[in-house]
């Protein structure tokens, strides 16, 4: 059962009072968190899903995003703009990777369409920002019924990374572009 948005901010405030300021971020930076080893993202060509193959090939696009987020160094930046982002299926792993990145000190800025913004996604990112003290990170949801600037929806689906580190080498200015939303159906069907 989802809570109305009006109750989310008081819950976030209550949680922030229960967790010592910066404790979660410090634990993540010190390696006390459970950060999974990231598979190497593909950096030399496009990545496509293949719905006729096994899970790795069916979910190649979401795997690429998760691997890029995990490969972003602690002092890096991630900008993610997404039309639909639900806390379900493999998209939950992308959300966890983003919140872990915030807690590690990565500057994460997320822009969501107002008609398709998930309160769970907004709450998880807002809580990570609050707990980490990472004030450079932001989440913005466009107004419902229109984009943030344009009169139509914010129908974007991309992420940019200041850099990613793969096998000890740092690659600057990495982009991820997709036609797929971050929700269960799209993970394997687009």
Protein backbone atom coordinates (compact mmCIF):
# COMPACT_ATOMS: atom_id res chain seq x y z
CA UNK A 1 0.00 0.00 0.00
CA UNK A 2 1.39 3.39 -0.99
CA UNK A 3 1.32 6.30 1.40
CA UNK A 4 0.04 9.67 0.21
CA UNK A 5 2.84 12.09 -0.62
CA UNK A 6 1.88 14.32 2.32
CA UNK A 7 3.13 11.69 4.78
CA UNK A 8 6.48 11.06 3.09
CA UNK A 9 8.30 14.20 4.27
CA UNK A 10 7.43 13.74 7.97
CA UNK A 11 8.60 10.12 7.71
CA UNK A 12 11.86 11.23 6.12
CA UNK A 13 12.38 13.77 8.89
CA UNK A 14 11.70 11.13 11.55
CA UNK A 15 14.15 8.71 9.93
CA UNK A 16 16.80 11.40 9.70
CA UNK A 17 16.53 11.96 13.45
CA UNK A 18 16.97 8.25 14.15
CA UNK A 19 20.16 7.87 12.10
CA UNK A 20 23.25 9.84 13.19
CA UNK A 21 24.16 12.54 10.64
CA UNK A 22 26.52 11.17 8.03
CA UNK A 23 26.77 7.72 9.66
CA UNK A 24 25.41 5.86 6.66
CA UNK A 25 27.57 7.84 4.23
CA UNK A 26 30.66 7.31 6.38
CA UNK A 27 30.02 3.57 6.54
CA UNK A 28 29.57 3.40 2.76
CA UNK A 29 32.80 5.37 2.17
CA UNK A 30 34.68 3.17 4.65
CA UNK A 31 33.60 0.03 2.86
CA UNK A 32 31.21 -1.02 5.61
CA UNK A 33 28.32 -1.13 3.15
CA UNK A 34 27.46 -4.07 0.98
CA UNK A 35 28.42 -2.59 -2.38
CA UNK A 36 28.40 -5.39 -4.93
CA UNK A 37 31.27 -5.67 -7.34
CA UNK A 38 30.21 -4.02 -10.55
CA UNK A 39 30.43 -5.81 -13.85
CA UNK A 40 32.30 -3.79 -16.41
CA UNK A 41 30.00 -1.59 -18.49
CA UNK A 42 30.34 -1.62 -22.27
CA UNK A 43 32.24 1.51 -23.33
CA UNK A 44 33.11 0.85 -26.96
CA UNK A 45 29.73 0.39 -28.61
CA UNK A 46 25.95 0.23 -28.26
CA UNK A 47 24.07 -2.12 -25.94
CA UNK A 48 20.77 -3.71 -26.94
CA UNK A 49 18.35 -6.09 -25.23
CA UNK A 50 17.73 -9.40 -26.96
CA UNK A 51 14.38 -10.77 -25.71
CA UNK A 52 15.03 -14.17 -27.31
CA UNK A 53 18.11 -14.92 -25.15
CA UNK A 54 18.88 -15.49 -21.46
CA UNK A 55 18.48 -12.95 -18.64
CA UNK A 56 21.80 -11.17 -19.26
CA UNK A 57 20.91 -10.47 -22.89
CA UNK A 58 17.22 -9.74 -22.16
CA UNK A 59 18.23 -7.17 -19.53
CA UNK A 60 21.36 -5.74 -21.16
CA UNK A 61 20.14 -2.11 -21.12
CA UNK A 62 19.25 -2.04 -17.41
CA UNK A 63 22.45 -3.96 -16.62
CA UNK A 64 24.43 -1.29 -18.47
CA UNK A 65 22.84 1.50 -16.43
CA UNK A 66 23.43 -0.28 -13.11
CA UNK A 67 27.05 -1.03 -14.05
CA UNK A 68 27.70 2.59 -15.08
CA UNK A 69 26.24 3.90 -11.80
CA UNK A 70 28.39 1.49 -9.77
CA UNK A 71 31.49 2.41 -11.82
CA UNK A 72 31.10 6.13 -11.07
CA UNK A 73 33.83 7.26 -8.66
CA UNK A 74 32.85 8.68 -5.27
CA UNK A 75 33.71 12.22 -6.37
CA UNK A 76 31.83 11.83 -9.68
CA UNK A 77 28.55 13.19 -10.99
CA UNK A 78 25.49 11.45 -12.43
CA UNK A 79 22.60 13.21 -14.17
CA UNK A 80 19.58 10.99 -14.83
CA UNK A 81 16.44 12.13 -16.65
CA UNK A 82 13.68 9.54 -16.87
CA UNK A 83 10.09 9.53 -18.11
CA UNK A 84 8.98 6.51 -16.05
CA UNK A 85 10.98 5.15 -13.10
CA UNK A 86 9.25 2.57 -10.91
CA UNK A 87 10.62 0.81 -7.84
CA UNK A 88 10.02 -2.68 -9.23
CA UNK A 89 11.93 -5.52 -10.84
CA UNK A 90 15.46 -4.70 -11.99
CA UNK A 91 14.61 -0.99 -11.83
CA UNK A 92 14.79 -1.42 -8.04
CA UNK A 93 18.44 -2.37 -8.50
CA UNK A 94 19.02 0.82 -10.48
CA UNK A 95 17.36 2.77 -7.67
CA UNK A 96 19.56 1.02 -5.08
CA UNK A 97 22.66 1.76 -7.17
CA UNK A 98 21.66 5.45 -7.31
CA UNK A 99 21.00 5.71 -3.58
CA UNK A 100 24.26 3.88 -2.83
CA UNK A 101 26.06 6.35 -5.12
CA UNK A 102 24.56 9.29 -3.20
CA UNK A 103 25.68 7.73 0.09
CA UNK A 104 29.21 7.27 -1.35
CA UNK A 105 29.39 11.00 -2.14
CA UNK A 106 28.53 10.93 -5.85
CA UNK A 107 26.62 14.05 -6.88
CA UNK A 108 23.39 12.62 -8.32
CA UNK A 109 20.76 14.79 -9.99
CA UNK A 110 17.51 13.11 -11.03
CA UNK A 111 14.76 14.64 -13.17
CA UNK A 112 11.42 12.78 -13.43
CA UNK A 113 8.20 13.30 -15.38
CA UNK A 114 5.43 14.38 -13.00
CA UNK A 115 2.78 12.10 -14.48
CA UNK A 116 4.95 9.00 -14.11
CA UNK A 117 7.02 9.75 -11.02
CA UNK A 118 6.92 6.98 -8.44
CA UNK A 119 6.53 8.20 -4.85
CA UNK A 120 8.72 5.25 -3.79
CA UNK A 121 11.55 6.36 -6.10
CA UNK A 122 11.22 9.99 -4.99
CA UNK A 123 11.24 8.96 -1.32
CA UNK A 124 14.24 6.63 -1.61
CA UNK A 125 16.37 9.25 -3.39
CA UNK A 126 15.24 12.03 -1.04
CA UNK A 127 16.06 9.86 1.98
CA UNK A 128 19.53 9.03 0.65
CA UNK A 129 20.20 12.73 0.10
CA UNK A 130 18.97 13.57 3.59
CA UNK A 131 20.92 10.80 5.34
CA UNK A 132 24.13 11.46 3.45
CA UNK A 133 24.17 15.22 3.84
CA UNK A 134 25.04 15.23 0.12
CA UNK A 135 23.37 18.57 -0.62
CA UNK A 136 24.76 18.69 -4.15
CA UNK A 137 22.42 15.81 -5.05
CA UNK A 138 18.87 16.69 -6.09
CA UNK A 139 15.65 15.13 -7.27
CA UNK A 140 13.24 17.23 -9.31
CA UNK A 141 9.83 16.12 -10.50
CA UNK A 142 8.27 18.09 -13.34
CA UNK A 143 4.71 19.37 -12.82
CA UNK A 144 1.95 16.93 -13.76
CA UNK A 145 0.45 17.36 -17.20
CA UNK A 146 3.53 19.04 -18.67
CA UNK A 147 7.30 19.00 -18.82
CA UNK A 148 9.55 21.09 -16.61
CA UNK A 149 9.98 23.70 -19.34
CA UNK A 150 7.91 22.59 -22.32
CA UNK A 151 4.13 22.36 -22.41
CA UNK A 152 4.18 18.61 -23.01
CA UNK A 153 5.52 15.71 -20.96
CA UNK A 154 9.17 15.30 -20.01
CA UNK A 155 9.65 12.24 -22.23
CA UNK A 156 13.41 11.86 -21.73
CA UNK A 157 15.39 8.71 -20.98
CA UNK A 158 19.11 9.28 -20.51
CA UNK A 159 21.93 9.53 -18.02
CA UNK A 160 25.32 11.20 -18.14
CA UNK A 161 28.32 10.36 -15.99
CA UNK A 162 31.24 12.70 -15.31
CA UNK A 163 33.43 9.60 -15.44
CA UNK A 164 33.43 5.87 -14.82
CA UNK A 165 36.31 3.68 -13.69
CA UNK A 166 36.68 0.31 -15.42
CA UNK A 167 39.62 -2.01 -14.74
CA UNK A 168 41.56 0.86 -13.15
CA UNK A 169 41.14 3.18 -16.15
CA UNK A 170 38.98 6.30 -15.89
CA UNK A 171 36.72 7.25 -18.81
CA UNK A 172 35.33 10.79 -18.81
CA UNK A 173 32.00 12.07 -20.10
CA UNK A 174 30.03 8.86 -20.54
CA UNK A 175 26.41 8.92 -21.78
CA UNK A 176 23.64 6.33 -21.55
CA UNK A 177 20.64 6.83 -23.88
CA UNK A 178 17.66 4.51 -24.11
CA UNK A 179 14.14 4.22 -25.48
CA UNK A 180 13.23 2.09 -22.46
CA UNK A 181 11.57 3.28 -19.28
CA UNK A 182 12.77 2.06 -15.89
CA UNK A 183 9.89 -0.26 -15.06
CA UNK A 184 9.41 -4.02 -15.16
CA UNK A 185 7.77 -4.40 -18.56
CA UNK A 186 10.38 -2.36 -20.40
CA UNK A 187 13.33 -4.15 -18.83
CA UNK A 188 12.88 -7.20 -21.04
CA UNK A 189 10.49 -6.07 -23.76
CA UNK A 190 12.23 -3.10 -25.33
